[in-house]
Amino acid sequence: MNDEERFSATVWWAIALGAVLFGFAIAFVAGFLVGHFTGHTKTTTVAASEVSGGETSEEAEAQAEAEAEAQAEAEAEAQAEAEAEAQAEAEAQAKAEKEAEEAEAEKEAEGAASTAEVEEGKQVFTASGCGSCHTLAAAGASGTIGPDLDEVLPEKDAAFIRESIVEPDAQVPSGYSPGIMPSTFKTSLSSSELEALVAFLSQEAGK
């Protein structure tokens, strides 16, 4: 082999070796780049997952705390409403009891006043000489000049009895004539005496 052939062979070997080394270099660079970017992507994904997981846990904890606070507020409101209702019921019951006591006391007072008024009316009946003309068992009277009050007055109202005293001829009982009963009681009796007499006759006639 001459010098020219040896030179040519050397050139071709150099070219081939360079091509092989260039190929290895390209493959190394490509592998490095692929591995580098793939590794970063995985790391980034894991980190994002971890960060996402941390945020979810904090949100869940915050939501649980908010729900617990809302439940506590609802329970407190319900308890306050129940206490208010119980207080209102107690106040209403106390008011009703007080009103009942006042009504009972008023009734007793009215009863006492009525008893006193009836007793006064009996005295007026006796003092005015009503018993000399009328029969009335409650007053121990047995007069026969005028109507028997135990027969004609039961179921009569106070207005009728009052009119019969002050205006005796306004409604004359059957079997009797006008002018028998004097018409002076409307002036001889005071208003309190008249009302007491009416109360006495209303309550005691017919007993």
N, C-alpha and C. Protein backbone atom coordinates (compact mmCIF):
# COMPACT_ATOMS: atom_id res chain seq x y z
N MET A 1 0.89 -1.19 0.00
CA MET A 1 0.00 0.00 0.00
C MET A 1 0.92 1.23 0.00
N ASN A 2 0.65 2.13 -0.88
CA ASN A 2 1.48 3.30 -0.98
C ASN A 2 1.04 4.37 0.00
N ASP A 3 1.67 5.44 0.02
CA ASP A 3 1.40 6.52 1.00
C ASP A 3 0.04 7.14 0.78
N GLU A 4 -0.36 7.27 -0.48
CA GLU A 4 -1.66 7.90 -0.77
C GLU A 4 -2.79 7.04 -0.28
N GLU A 5 -2.64 5.73 -0.44
CA GLU A 5 -3.69 4.83 0.01
C GLU A 5 -3.77 4.82 1.53
N ARG A 6 -2.60 4.84 2.18
CA ARG A 6 -2.60 4.86 3.64
C ARG A 6 -3.25 6.16 4.16
N PHE A 7 -2.98 7.25 3.53
CA PHE A 7 -3.57 8.52 3.94
C PHE A 7 -5.08 8.50 3.79
N SER A 8 -5.51 7.95 2.66
CA SER A 8 -6.95 7.86 2.39
C SER A 8 -7.64 6.98 3.42
N ALA A 9 -6.99 5.84 3.76
CA ALA A 9 -7.60 4.94 4.76
C ALA A 9 -7.65 5.62 6.12
N THR A 10 -6.64 6.35 6.43
CA THR A 10 -6.61 7.04 7.73
C THR A 10 -7.72 8.07 7.82
N VAL A 11 -7.95 8.81 6.70
CA VAL A 11 -9.00 9.82 6.68
C VAL A 11 -10.36 9.20 6.90
N TRP A 12 -10.54 8.07 6.17
CA TRP A 12 -11.86 7.40 6.31
C TRP A 12 -12.05 6.85 7.73
N TRP A 13 -11.06 6.33 8.36
CA TRP A 13 -11.17 5.84 9.75
C TRP A 13 -11.45 7.01 10.69
N ALA A 14 -10.85 8.11 10.43
CA ALA A 14 -11.09 9.28 11.28
C ALA A 14 -12.52 9.76 11.16
N ILE A 15 -12.98 9.73 9.87
CA ILE A 15 -14.37 10.14 9.64
C ILE A 15 -15.33 9.20 10.34
N ALA A 16 -15.09 7.92 10.22
CA ALA A 16 -15.99 6.91 10.83
C ALA A 16 -15.96 7.04 12.34
N LEU A 17 -14.78 7.20 12.90
CA LEU A 17 -14.68 7.32 14.36
C LEU A 17 -15.38 8.58 14.85
N GLY A 18 -15.21 9.68 14.07
CA GLY A 18 -15.89 10.93 14.45
C GLY A 18 -17.40 10.78 14.41
N ALA A 19 -17.87 10.03 13.37
CA ALA A 19 -19.32 9.82 13.26
C ALA A 19 -19.85 9.04 14.45
N VAL A 20 -19.07 8.00 14.82
CA VAL A 20 -19.50 7.18 15.98
C VAL A 20 -19.50 8.02 17.25
N LEU A 21 -18.45 8.77 17.47
CA LEU A 21 -18.39 9.60 18.68
C LEU A 21 -19.48 10.66 18.69
N PHE A 22 -19.75 11.24 17.47
CA PHE A 22 -20.81 12.24 17.39
C PHE A 22 -22.16 11.62 17.73
N GLY A 23 -22.35 10.37 17.26
CA GLY A 23 -23.61 9.68 17.57
C GLY A 23 -23.77 9.44 19.06
N PHE A 24 -22.67 9.00 19.69
CA PHE A 24 -22.72 8.79 21.15
C PHE A 24 -23.01 10.10 21.90
N ALA A 25 -22.42 11.18 21.39
CA ALA A 25 -22.63 12.47 22.04
C ALA A 25 -24.09 12.91 21.91
N ILE A 26 -24.63 12.71 20.72
CA ILE A 26 -26.05 13.07 20.49
C ILE A 26 -26.95 12.24 21.39
N ALA A 27 -26.66 10.93 21.47
CA ALA A 27 -27.49 10.05 22.30
C ALA A 27 -27.39 10.44 23.77
N PHE A 28 -26.18 10.78 24.23
CA PHE A 28 -26.00 11.16 25.63
C PHE A 28 -26.78 12.43 25.96
N VAL A 29 -26.63 13.42 25.05
CA VAL A 29 -27.32 14.69 25.29
C VAL A 29 -28.84 14.49 25.30
N ALA A 30 -29.32 13.66 24.35
CA ALA A 30 -30.76 13.42 24.28
C ALA A 30 -31.25 12.70 25.53
N GLY A 31 -30.48 11.70 25.97
CA GLY A 31 -30.87 10.98 27.19
C GLY A 31 -30.85 11.87 28.42
N PHE A 32 -29.85 12.74 28.48
CA PHE A 32 -29.76 13.63 29.63
C PHE A 32 -30.96 14.58 29.69
N LEU A 33 -31.23 15.13 28.48
CA LEU A 33 -32.35 16.07 28.44
C LEU A 33 -33.67 15.39 28.79
N VAL A 34 -33.89 14.21 28.22
CA VAL A 34 -35.14 13.48 28.51
C VAL A 34 -35.24 13.14 29.99
N GLY A 35 -34.17 12.64 30.55
CA GLY A 35 -34.18 12.29 31.98
C GLY A 35 -34.34 13.50 32.87
N HIS A 36 -33.68 14.58 32.47
CA HIS A 36 -33.77 15.79 33.28
C HIS A 36 -35.20 16.34 33.35
N PHE A 37 -35.79 16.53 32.15
CA PHE A 37 -37.14 17.09 32.12
C PHE A 37 -38.18 16.14 32.68
N THR A 38 -38.01 14.87 32.49
CA THR A 38 -38.95 13.88 33.05
C THR A 38 -38.88 13.87 34.57
N GLY A 39 -37.71 13.94 35.10
CA GLY A 39 -37.54 13.96 36.56
C GLY A 39 -38.13 15.21 37.17
N HIS A 40 -37.94 16.34 36.56
CA HIS A 40 -38.51 17.59 37.07
C HIS A 40 -40.02 17.60 37.03
N THR A 41 -40.53 17.02 35.96
CA THR A 41 -42.00 16.96 35.84
C THR A 41 -42.59 16.11 36.93
N LYS A 42 -41.94 14.98 37.22
CA LYS A 42 -42.42 14.10 38.30
C LYS A 42 -42.34 14.78 39.64
N THR A 43 -41.22 15.43 39.87
CA THR A 43 -41.05 16.12 41.15
C THR A 43 -42.07 17.24 41.31
N THR A 44 -42.28 17.95 40.22
CA THR A 44 -43.24 19.04 40.26
C THR A 44 -44.65 18.52 40.52
N THR A 45 -44.97 17.38 39.88
CA THR A 45 -46.29 16.78 40.07
C THR A 45 -46.50 16.35 41.50
N VAL A 46 -45.49 15.72 42.09
CA VAL A 46 -45.58 15.29 43.48
C VAL A 46 -45.73 16.49 44.39
N ALA A 47 -44.96 17.52 44.12
CA ALA A 47 -45.03 18.71 44.96
C ALA A 47 -46.40 19.35 44.86
N ALA A 48 -46.92 19.41 43.62
CA ALA A 48 -48.25 19.98 43.45
C ALA A 48 -49.29 19.16 44.16
N SER A 49 -49.11 17.82 44.10
CA SER A 49 -50.06 16.95 44.80
C SER A 49 -50.00 17.17 46.29
N GLU A 50 -48.77 17.30 46.80
CA GLU A 50 -48.61 17.53 48.23
C GLU A 50 -49.22 18.87 48.63
N VAL A 51 -48.95 19.91 47.82
CA VAL A 51 -49.50 21.22 48.12
C VAL A 51 -51.02 21.19 48.06
N SER A 52 -51.55 20.52 47.01
CA SER A 52 -52.99 20.40 46.88
C SER A 52 -53.59 19.67 48.05
N GLY A 53 -52.95 18.61 48.48
CA GLY A 53 -53.42 17.85 49.63
C GLY A 53 -53.42 18.70 50.89
N GLY A 54 -52.41 19.52 51.08
CA GLY A 54 -52.35 20.38 52.25
C GLY A 54 -53.46 21.40 52.25
N GLU A 55 -53.75 21.98 51.11
CA GLU A 55 -54.83 22.96 51.03
C GLU A 55 -56.19 22.32 51.30
N THR A 56 -56.39 21.11 50.78
CA THR A 56 -57.67 20.42 51.00
C THR A 56 -57.88 20.12 52.47
N SER A 57 -56.83 19.70 53.16
CA SER A 57 -56.93 19.40 54.59
C SER A 57 -57.26 20.67 55.39
N GLU A 58 -56.63 21.76 55.06
CA GLU A 58 -56.90 23.03 55.77
C GLU A 58 -58.33 23.50 55.51
N GLU A 59 -58.78 23.35 54.25
CA GLU A 59 -60.14 23.76 53.92
C GLU A 59 -61.17 22.90 54.66
N ALA A 60 -60.87 21.58 54.71
CA ALA A 60 -61.79 20.68 55.42
C ALA A 60 -61.84 21.02 56.91
N GLU A 61 -60.69 21.33 57.48
CA GLU A 61 -60.66 21.69 58.90
C GLU A 61 -61.41 22.99 59.16
N ALA A 62 -61.20 23.97 58.26
CA ALA A 62 -61.91 25.24 58.40
C ALA A 62 -63.41 25.05 58.25
N GLN A 63 -63.82 24.21 57.30
CA GLN A 63 -65.24 23.94 57.10
C GLN A 63 -65.85 23.25 58.32
N ALA A 64 -65.08 22.28 58.89
CA ALA A 64 -65.56 21.59 60.08
C ALA A 64 -65.72 22.57 61.25
N GLU A 65 -64.79 23.48 61.42
CA GLU A 65 -64.89 24.47 62.48
C GLU A 65 -66.09 25.39 62.27
N ALA A 66 -66.29 25.79 60.99
CA ALA A 66 -67.44 26.65 60.68
C ALA A 66 -68.75 25.94 60.97
N GLU A 67 -68.83 24.65 60.61
CA GLU A 67 -70.05 23.88 60.88
C GLU A 67 -70.28 23.73 62.38
N ALA A 68 -69.20 23.49 63.12
CA ALA A 68 -69.33 23.36 64.57
C ALA A 68 -69.81 24.68 65.20
N GLU A 69 -69.26 25.79 64.73
CA GLU A 69 -69.70 27.09 65.24
C GLU A 69 -71.16 27.36 64.90
N ALA A 70 -71.54 27.01 63.66
CA ALA A 70 -72.94 27.22 63.26
C ALA A 70 -73.88 26.36 64.10
N GLN A 71 -73.48 25.12 64.36
CA GLN A 71 -74.31 24.24 65.18
C GLN A 71 -74.41 24.77 66.61
N ALA A 72 -73.29 25.26 67.15
CA ALA A 72 -73.30 25.82 68.50
C ALA A 72 -74.21 27.05 68.57
N GLU A 73 -74.14 27.90 67.54
CA GLU A 73 -75.01 29.08 67.51
C GLU A 73 -76.48 28.69 67.42
N ALA A 74 -76.77 27.67 66.58
CA ALA A 74 -78.15 27.20 66.45
C ALA A 74 -78.66 26.65 67.77
N GLU A 75 -77.83 25.86 68.45
CA GLU A 75 -78.23 25.31 69.75
C GLU A 75 -78.45 26.43 70.78
N ALA A 76 -77.56 27.43 70.75
CA ALA A 76 -77.72 28.55 71.68
C ALA A 76 -79.00 29.32 71.39
N GLU A 77 -79.31 29.54 70.11
CA GLU A 77 -80.55 30.23 69.75
C GLU A 77 -81.77 29.43 70.17
N ALA A 78 -81.71 28.10 69.94
CA ALA A 78 -82.84 27.25 70.33
C ALA A 78 -83.04 27.28 71.84
N GLN A 79 -81.94 27.24 72.58
CA GLN A 79 -82.04 27.30 74.04
C GLN A 79 -82.60 28.64 74.51
N ALA A 80 -82.14 29.72 73.85
CA ALA A 80 -82.65 31.05 74.21
C ALA A 80 -84.14 31.16 73.91
N GLU A 81 -84.57 30.61 72.77
CA GLU A 81 -85.99 30.64 72.43
C GLU A 81 -86.80 29.82 73.44
N ALA A 82 -86.28 28.65 73.81
CA ALA A 82 -86.98 27.81 74.78
C ALA A 82 -87.10 28.53 76.12
N GLU A 83 -86.01 29.18 76.54
CA GLU A 83 -86.05 29.92 77.81
C GLU A 83 -87.04 31.09 77.73
N ALA A 84 -87.06 31.78 76.57
CA ALA A 84 -87.99 32.90 76.40
C ALA A 84 -89.44 32.41 76.44
N GLU A 85 -89.70 31.27 75.77
CA GLU A 85 -91.05 30.71 75.78
C GLU A 85 -91.45 30.29 77.20
N ALA A 86 -90.52 29.65 77.91
CA ALA A 86 -90.82 29.24 79.27
C ALA A 86 -91.09 30.45 80.16
N GLN A 87 -90.30 31.51 79.97
CA GLN A 87 -90.52 32.73 80.76
C GLN A 87 -91.86 33.37 80.42
N ALA A 88 -92.19 33.39 79.10
CA ALA A 88 -93.47 33.96 78.69
C ALA A 88 -94.64 33.16 79.27
N GLU A 89 -94.51 31.83 79.25
CA GLU A 89 -95.56 30.98 79.82
C GLU A 89 -95.69 31.22 81.32
N ALA A 90 -94.55 31.34 82.00
CA ALA A 90 -94.59 31.60 83.44
C ALA A 90 -95.23 32.95 83.73
N GLU A 91 -94.87 33.96 82.93
CA GLU A 91 -95.46 35.28 83.12
C GLU A 91 -96.97 35.27 82.84
N ALA A 92 -97.36 34.54 81.77
CA ALA A 92 -98.79 34.45 81.45
C ALA A 92 -99.55 33.73 82.56
N GLN A 93 -98.95 32.66 83.08
CA GLN A 93 -99.60 31.93 84.17
C GLN A 93 -99.71 32.80 85.42
N ALA A 94 -98.63 33.51 85.73
CA ALA A 94 -98.66 34.40 86.89
C ALA A 94 -99.70 35.50 86.71
N LYS A 95 -99.80 36.02 85.48
CA LYS A 95 -100.79 37.06 85.20
C LYS A 95 -102.21 36.51 85.36
N ALA A 96 -102.41 35.28 84.82
CA ALA A 96 -103.74 34.67 84.92
C ALA A 96 -104.11 34.41 86.38
N GLU A 97 -103.13 33.93 87.16
CA GLU A 97 -103.40 33.69 88.58
C GLU A 97 -103.72 34.99 89.31
N LYS A 98 -102.97 36.05 88.96
CA LYS A 98 -103.21 37.34 89.60
C LYS A 98 -104.60 37.86 89.25
N GLU A 99 -104.96 37.73 87.95
CA GLU A 99 -106.29 38.18 87.52
C GLU A 99 -107.39 37.38 88.20
N ALA A 100 -107.16 36.07 88.34
CA ALA A 100 -108.15 35.23 89.02
C ALA A 100 -108.30 35.65 90.49
N GLU A 101 -107.16 35.92 91.14
CA GLU A 101 -107.21 36.37 92.52
C GLU A 101 -107.93 37.71 92.64
N GLU A 102 -107.63 38.63 91.71
CA GLU A 102 -108.30 39.93 91.75
C GLU A 102 -109.80 39.79 91.50
N ALA A 103 -110.15 38.90 90.53
CA ALA A 103 -111.57 38.69 90.24
C ALA A 103 -112.28 38.09 91.45
N GLU A 104 -111.61 37.13 92.11
CA GLU A 104 -112.20 36.51 93.29
C GLU A 104 -112.37 37.54 94.42
N ALA A 105 -111.33 38.37 94.58
CA ALA A 105 -111.42 39.41 95.61
C ALA A 105 -112.53 40.40 95.28
N GLU A 106 -112.63 40.76 93.99
CA GLU A 106 -113.69 41.68 93.59
C GLU A 106 -115.06 41.05 93.80
N LYS A 107 -115.14 39.75 93.47
CA LYS A 107 -116.42 39.07 93.67
C LYS A 107 -116.80 39.03 95.15
N GLU A 108 -115.80 38.73 95.99
CA GLU A 108 -116.07 38.71 97.42
C GLU A 108 -116.48 40.10 97.92
N ALA A 109 -115.78 41.13 97.39
CA ALA A 109 -116.13 42.50 97.79
C ALA A 109 -117.54 42.85 97.34
N GLU A 110 -117.87 42.43 96.10
CA GLU A 110 -119.22 42.69 95.61
C GLU A 110 -120.26 41.94 96.44
N GLY A 111 -119.88 40.70 96.80
CA GLY A 111 -120.80 39.91 97.62
C GLY A 111 -121.02 40.56 98.97
N ALA A 112 -119.93 41.06 99.55
CA ALA A 112 -120.05 41.72 100.84
C ALA A 112 -120.89 42.99 100.73
N ALA A 113 -120.64 43.77 99.64
CA ALA A 113 -121.40 44.99 99.43
C ALA A 113 -122.86 44.66 99.18
N SER A 114 -123.10 43.60 98.39
CA SER A 114 -124.48 43.21 98.10
C SER A 114 -125.20 42.79 99.38
N THR A 115 -124.51 42.03 100.22
CA THR A 115 -125.12 41.61 101.48
C THR A 115 -125.47 42.81 102.34
N ALA A 116 -124.54 43.75 102.40
CA ALA A 116 -124.79 44.97 103.20
C ALA A 116 -125.94 45.76 102.60
N GLU A 117 -125.97 45.82 101.26
CA GLU A 117 -127.04 46.57 100.61
C GLU A 117 -128.40 45.90 100.83
N VAL A 118 -128.41 44.57 100.75
CA VAL A 118 -129.67 43.84 100.98
C VAL A 118 -130.16 44.06 102.41
N GLU A 119 -129.25 44.01 103.35
CA GLU A 119 -129.62 44.24 104.74
C GLU A 119 -130.16 45.66 104.94
N GLU A 120 -129.54 46.62 104.27
CA GLU A 120 -130.04 48.00 104.35
C GLU A 120 -131.43 48.10 103.73
N GLY A 121 -131.65 47.38 102.61
CA GLY A 121 -132.95 47.39 101.95
C GLY A 121 -134.04 46.81 102.83
N LYS A 122 -133.69 45.79 103.60
CA LYS A 122 -134.66 45.20 104.55
C LYS A 122 -135.06 46.24 105.59
N GLN A 123 -134.06 46.99 106.06
CA GLN A 123 -134.36 48.03 107.06
C GLN A 123 -135.25 49.12 106.46
N VAL A 124 -134.98 49.48 105.20
CA VAL A 124 -135.81 50.49 104.53
C VAL A 124 -137.24 49.97 104.38
N PHE A 125 -137.39 48.70 104.01
CA PHE A 125 -138.72 48.10 103.85
C PHE A 125 -139.51 48.18 105.16
N THR A 126 -138.85 47.86 106.24
CA THR A 126 -139.52 47.88 107.56
C THR A 126 -139.82 49.30 108.01
N ALA A 127 -138.81 50.20 107.88
CA ALA A 127 -138.97 51.58 108.34
C ALA A 127 -140.02 52.33 107.53
N SER A 128 -140.18 51.98 106.26
CA SER A 128 -141.14 52.69 105.40
C SER A 128 -142.57 52.15 105.55
N GLY A 129 -142.76 51.15 106.37
CA GLY A 129 -144.09 50.60 106.60
C GLY A 129 -144.61 49.74 105.47
N CYS A 130 -143.72 49.25 104.65
CA CYS A 130 -144.14 48.42 103.51
C CYS A 130 -144.83 47.13 103.99
N GLY A 131 -144.40 46.63 105.14
CA GLY A 131 -144.95 45.38 105.65
C GLY A 131 -146.39 45.48 106.08
N SER A 132 -146.90 46.72 106.28
CA SER A 132 -148.30 46.86 106.68
C SER A 132 -149.26 46.65 105.51
N CYS A 133 -148.73 46.73 104.30
CA CYS A 133 -149.57 46.56 103.11
C CYS A 133 -149.24 45.31 102.30
N HIS A 134 -147.99 44.83 102.44
CA HIS A 134 -147.55 43.71 101.59
C HIS A 134 -147.10 42.52 102.44
N THR A 135 -147.24 41.35 101.84
CA THR A 135 -146.70 40.14 102.44
C THR A 135 -145.32 39.88 101.84
N LEU A 136 -144.35 39.64 102.73
CA LEU A 136 -142.99 39.31 102.29
C LEU A 136 -142.35 38.49 103.40
N ALA A 137 -142.13 37.25 103.17
CA ALA A 137 -141.61 36.35 104.20
C ALA A 137 -140.24 36.78 104.71
N ALA A 138 -139.39 37.27 103.82
CA ALA A 138 -138.03 37.65 104.22
C ALA A 138 -138.03 38.78 105.23
N ALA A 139 -139.09 39.59 105.24
CA ALA A 139 -139.18 40.71 106.18
C ALA A 139 -140.15 40.40 107.32
N GLY A 140 -140.73 39.19 107.32
CA GLY A 140 -141.71 38.84 108.35
C GLY A 140 -142.99 39.64 108.21
N ALA A 141 -143.29 40.10 106.98
CA ALA A 141 -144.47 40.93 106.75
C ALA A 141 -145.62 40.07 106.21
N SER A 142 -146.86 40.44 106.62
CA SER A 142 -148.03 39.67 106.18
C SER A 142 -149.20 40.58 105.83
N GLY A 143 -148.90 41.78 105.33
CA GLY A 143 -149.96 42.72 104.94
C GLY A 143 -150.75 42.21 103.75
N THR A 144 -152.04 42.62 103.67
CA THR A 144 -152.91 42.14 102.60
C THR A 144 -153.54 43.24 101.79
N ILE A 145 -153.19 44.50 102.08
CA ILE A 145 -153.77 45.61 101.33
C ILE A 145 -153.25 45.62 99.89
N GLY A 146 -151.98 45.40 99.78
CA GLY A 146 -151.36 45.38 98.46
C GLY A 146 -151.02 43.96 98.02
N PRO A 147 -150.44 43.79 96.84
CA PRO A 147 -150.10 42.46 96.33
C PRO A 147 -149.10 41.73 97.22
N ASP A 148 -149.18 40.40 97.22
CA ASP A 148 -148.20 39.56 97.91
C ASP A 148 -146.91 39.60 97.10
N LEU A 149 -145.90 40.20 97.68
CA LEU A 149 -144.63 40.39 96.94
C LEU A 149 -143.92 39.07 96.67
N ASP A 150 -144.12 38.07 97.49
CA ASP A 150 -143.52 36.76 97.25
C ASP A 150 -144.13 36.08 96.01
N GLU A 151 -145.31 36.57 95.56
CA GLU A 151 -145.96 35.99 94.40
C GLU A 151 -145.76 36.82 93.13
N VAL A 152 -145.73 38.15 93.27
CA VAL A 152 -145.69 39.00 92.06
C VAL A 152 -144.29 39.44 91.64
N LEU A 153 -143.34 39.40 92.56
CA LEU A 153 -142.02 39.93 92.22
C LEU A 153 -141.00 38.91 91.70
N PRO A 154 -141.09 37.62 92.07
CA PRO A 154 -140.10 36.68 91.52
C PRO A 154 -140.06 36.74 89.99
N GLU A 155 -138.86 36.68 89.46
CA GLU A 155 -138.58 36.73 88.02
C GLU A 155 -138.79 38.12 87.43
N LYS A 156 -139.12 39.13 88.28
CA LYS A 156 -139.20 40.50 87.79
C LYS A 156 -137.82 41.14 87.91
N ASP A 157 -137.48 41.98 86.94
CA ASP A 157 -136.15 42.60 86.98
C ASP A 157 -136.16 43.84 87.88
N ALA A 158 -134.97 44.37 88.11
CA ALA A 158 -134.82 45.51 89.01
C ALA A 158 -135.54 46.74 88.49
N ALA A 159 -135.58 46.92 87.17
CA ALA A 159 -136.25 48.09 86.60
C ALA A 159 -137.75 48.07 86.91
N PHE A 160 -138.36 46.90 86.82
CA PHE A 160 -139.80 46.78 87.13
C PHE A 160 -140.06 47.08 88.60
N ILE A 161 -139.21 46.53 89.48
CA ILE A 161 -139.39 46.75 90.92
C ILE A 161 -139.20 48.22 91.26
N ARG A 162 -138.21 48.87 90.65
CA ARG A 162 -137.96 50.29 90.93
C ARG A 162 -139.15 51.14 90.47
N GLU A 163 -139.66 50.86 89.29
CA GLU A 163 -140.81 51.61 88.79
C GLU A 163 -142.05 51.39 89.68
N SER A 164 -142.21 50.16 90.16
CA SER A 164 -143.38 49.87 91.01
C SER A 164 -143.32 50.64 92.32
N ILE A 165 -142.11 51.02 92.76
CA ILE A 165 -141.96 51.77 94.01
C ILE A 165 -142.20 53.26 93.78
N VAL A 166 -141.56 53.82 92.73
CA VAL A 166 -141.63 55.27 92.52
C VAL A 166 -142.82 55.68 91.67
N GLU A 167 -143.32 54.80 90.82
CA GLU A 167 -144.50 55.07 90.00
C GLU A 167 -145.47 53.89 90.14
N PRO A 168 -146.08 53.73 91.28
CA PRO A 168 -146.90 52.53 91.55
C PRO A 168 -148.10 52.36 90.63
N ASP A 169 -148.59 53.44 90.02
CA ASP A 169 -149.76 53.33 89.14
C ASP A 169 -149.39 53.10 87.68
N ALA A 170 -148.07 52.99 87.40
CA ALA A 170 -147.65 52.77 86.01
C ALA A 170 -148.11 51.40 85.52
N GLN A 171 -148.03 50.41 86.38
CA GLN A 171 -148.50 49.07 86.04
C GLN A 171 -149.24 48.50 87.26
N VAL A 172 -150.52 48.66 87.28
CA VAL A 172 -151.33 48.22 88.42
C VAL A 172 -151.61 46.72 88.29
N PRO A 173 -151.30 45.93 89.32
CA PRO A 173 -151.54 44.49 89.27
C PRO A 173 -153.04 44.19 89.12
N SER A 174 -153.32 43.08 88.48
CA SER A 174 -154.71 42.66 88.28
C SER A 174 -155.40 42.45 89.64
N GLY A 175 -156.60 43.01 89.78
CA GLY A 175 -157.35 42.87 91.02
C GLY A 175 -157.17 44.03 91.96
N TYR A 176 -156.33 45.01 91.59
CA TYR A 176 -156.07 46.16 92.45
C TYR A 176 -156.38 47.45 91.68
N SER A 177 -156.69 48.48 92.42
CA SER A 177 -157.04 49.76 91.82
C SER A 177 -155.89 50.75 91.96
N PRO A 178 -155.77 51.72 91.03
CA PRO A 178 -154.75 52.76 91.16
C PRO A 178 -154.96 53.59 92.42
N GLY A 179 -153.90 54.15 92.98
CA GLY A 179 -153.97 55.03 94.12
C GLY A 179 -153.89 54.33 95.45
N ILE A 180 -153.86 53.00 95.45
CA ILE A 180 -153.76 52.30 96.73
C ILE A 180 -152.39 52.51 97.35
N MET A 181 -151.37 52.37 96.54
CA MET A 181 -150.00 52.55 97.05
C MET A 181 -149.60 54.00 96.89
N PRO A 182 -149.03 54.62 97.93
CA PRO A 182 -148.62 56.02 97.83
C PRO A 182 -147.51 56.20 96.80
N SER A 183 -147.50 57.35 96.19
CA SER A 183 -146.48 57.67 95.17
C SER A 183 -145.40 58.59 95.71
N THR A 184 -145.28 58.63 97.02
CA THR A 184 -144.33 59.57 97.66
C THR A 184 -142.94 58.97 97.87
N PHE A 185 -142.80 57.70 97.60
CA PHE A 185 -141.49 57.06 97.88
C PHE A 185 -140.37 57.58 96.99
N LYS A 186 -140.75 58.14 95.83
CA LYS A 186 -139.70 58.66 94.95
C LYS A 186 -139.05 59.91 95.53
N THR A 187 -139.72 60.54 96.47
CA THR A 187 -139.13 61.72 97.11
C THR A 187 -138.73 61.45 98.56
N SER A 188 -139.43 60.53 99.20
CA SER A 188 -139.11 60.27 100.61
C SER A 188 -137.90 59.36 100.78
N LEU A 189 -137.56 58.62 99.76
CA LEU A 189 -136.38 57.73 99.84
C LEU A 189 -135.21 58.35 99.09
N SER A 190 -134.04 58.27 99.69
CA SER A 190 -132.83 58.71 98.97
C SER A 190 -132.52 57.69 97.88
N SER A 191 -131.64 58.08 96.97
CA SER A 191 -131.28 57.16 95.87
C SER A 191 -130.64 55.89 96.40
N SER A 192 -129.80 56.01 97.45
CA SER A 192 -129.15 54.82 98.01
C SER A 192 -130.17 53.95 98.72
N GLU A 193 -131.14 54.54 99.39
CA GLU A 193 -132.18 53.76 100.06
C GLU A 193 -133.06 53.05 99.04
N LEU A 194 -133.37 53.77 97.97
CA LEU A 194 -134.18 53.17 96.92
C LEU A 194 -133.47 51.97 96.29
N GLU A 195 -132.18 52.13 95.98
CA GLU A 195 -131.43 51.03 95.37
C GLU A 195 -131.29 49.86 96.34
N ALA A 196 -131.13 50.15 97.61
CA ALA A 196 -131.03 49.09 98.61
C ALA A 196 -132.35 48.34 98.71
N LEU A 197 -133.46 49.05 98.67
CA LEU A 197 -134.78 48.41 98.73
C LEU A 197 -135.02 47.54 97.50
N VAL A 198 -134.61 48.05 96.33
CA VAL A 198 -134.76 47.27 95.10
C VAL A 198 -133.91 46.00 95.18
N ALA A 199 -132.68 46.12 95.67
CA ALA A 199 -131.80 44.96 95.80
C ALA A 199 -132.40 43.94 96.77
N PHE A 200 -132.94 44.41 97.85
CA PHE A 200 -133.56 43.52 98.84
C PHE A 200 -134.74 42.76 98.24
N LEU A 201 -135.63 43.46 97.56
CA LEU A 201 -136.80 42.82 96.98
C LEU A 201 -136.41 41.89 95.83
N SER A 202 -135.43 42.27 95.03
CA SER A 202 -134.98 41.43 93.91
C SER A 202 -134.41 40.10 94.42
N GLN A 203 -133.69 40.17 95.52
CA GLN A 203 -133.00 38.97 96.00
C GLN A 203 -133.88 38.12 96.94
N GLU A 204 -134.73 38.75 97.70
CA GLU A 204 -135.43 38.01 98.75
C GLU A 204 -136.90 37.66 98.44
N ALA A 205 -137.52 38.34 97.52
CA ALA A 205 -138.93 38.06 97.22
C ALA A 205 -139.07 36.63 96.66
N GLY A 206 -140.02 35.92 97.22
CA GLY A 206 -140.28 34.55 96.78
C GLY A 206 -139.51 33.48 97.50
N LYS A 207 -138.66 33.86 98.43
CA LYS A 207 -137.89 32.86 99.19
C LYS A 207 -138.66 32.42 100.43
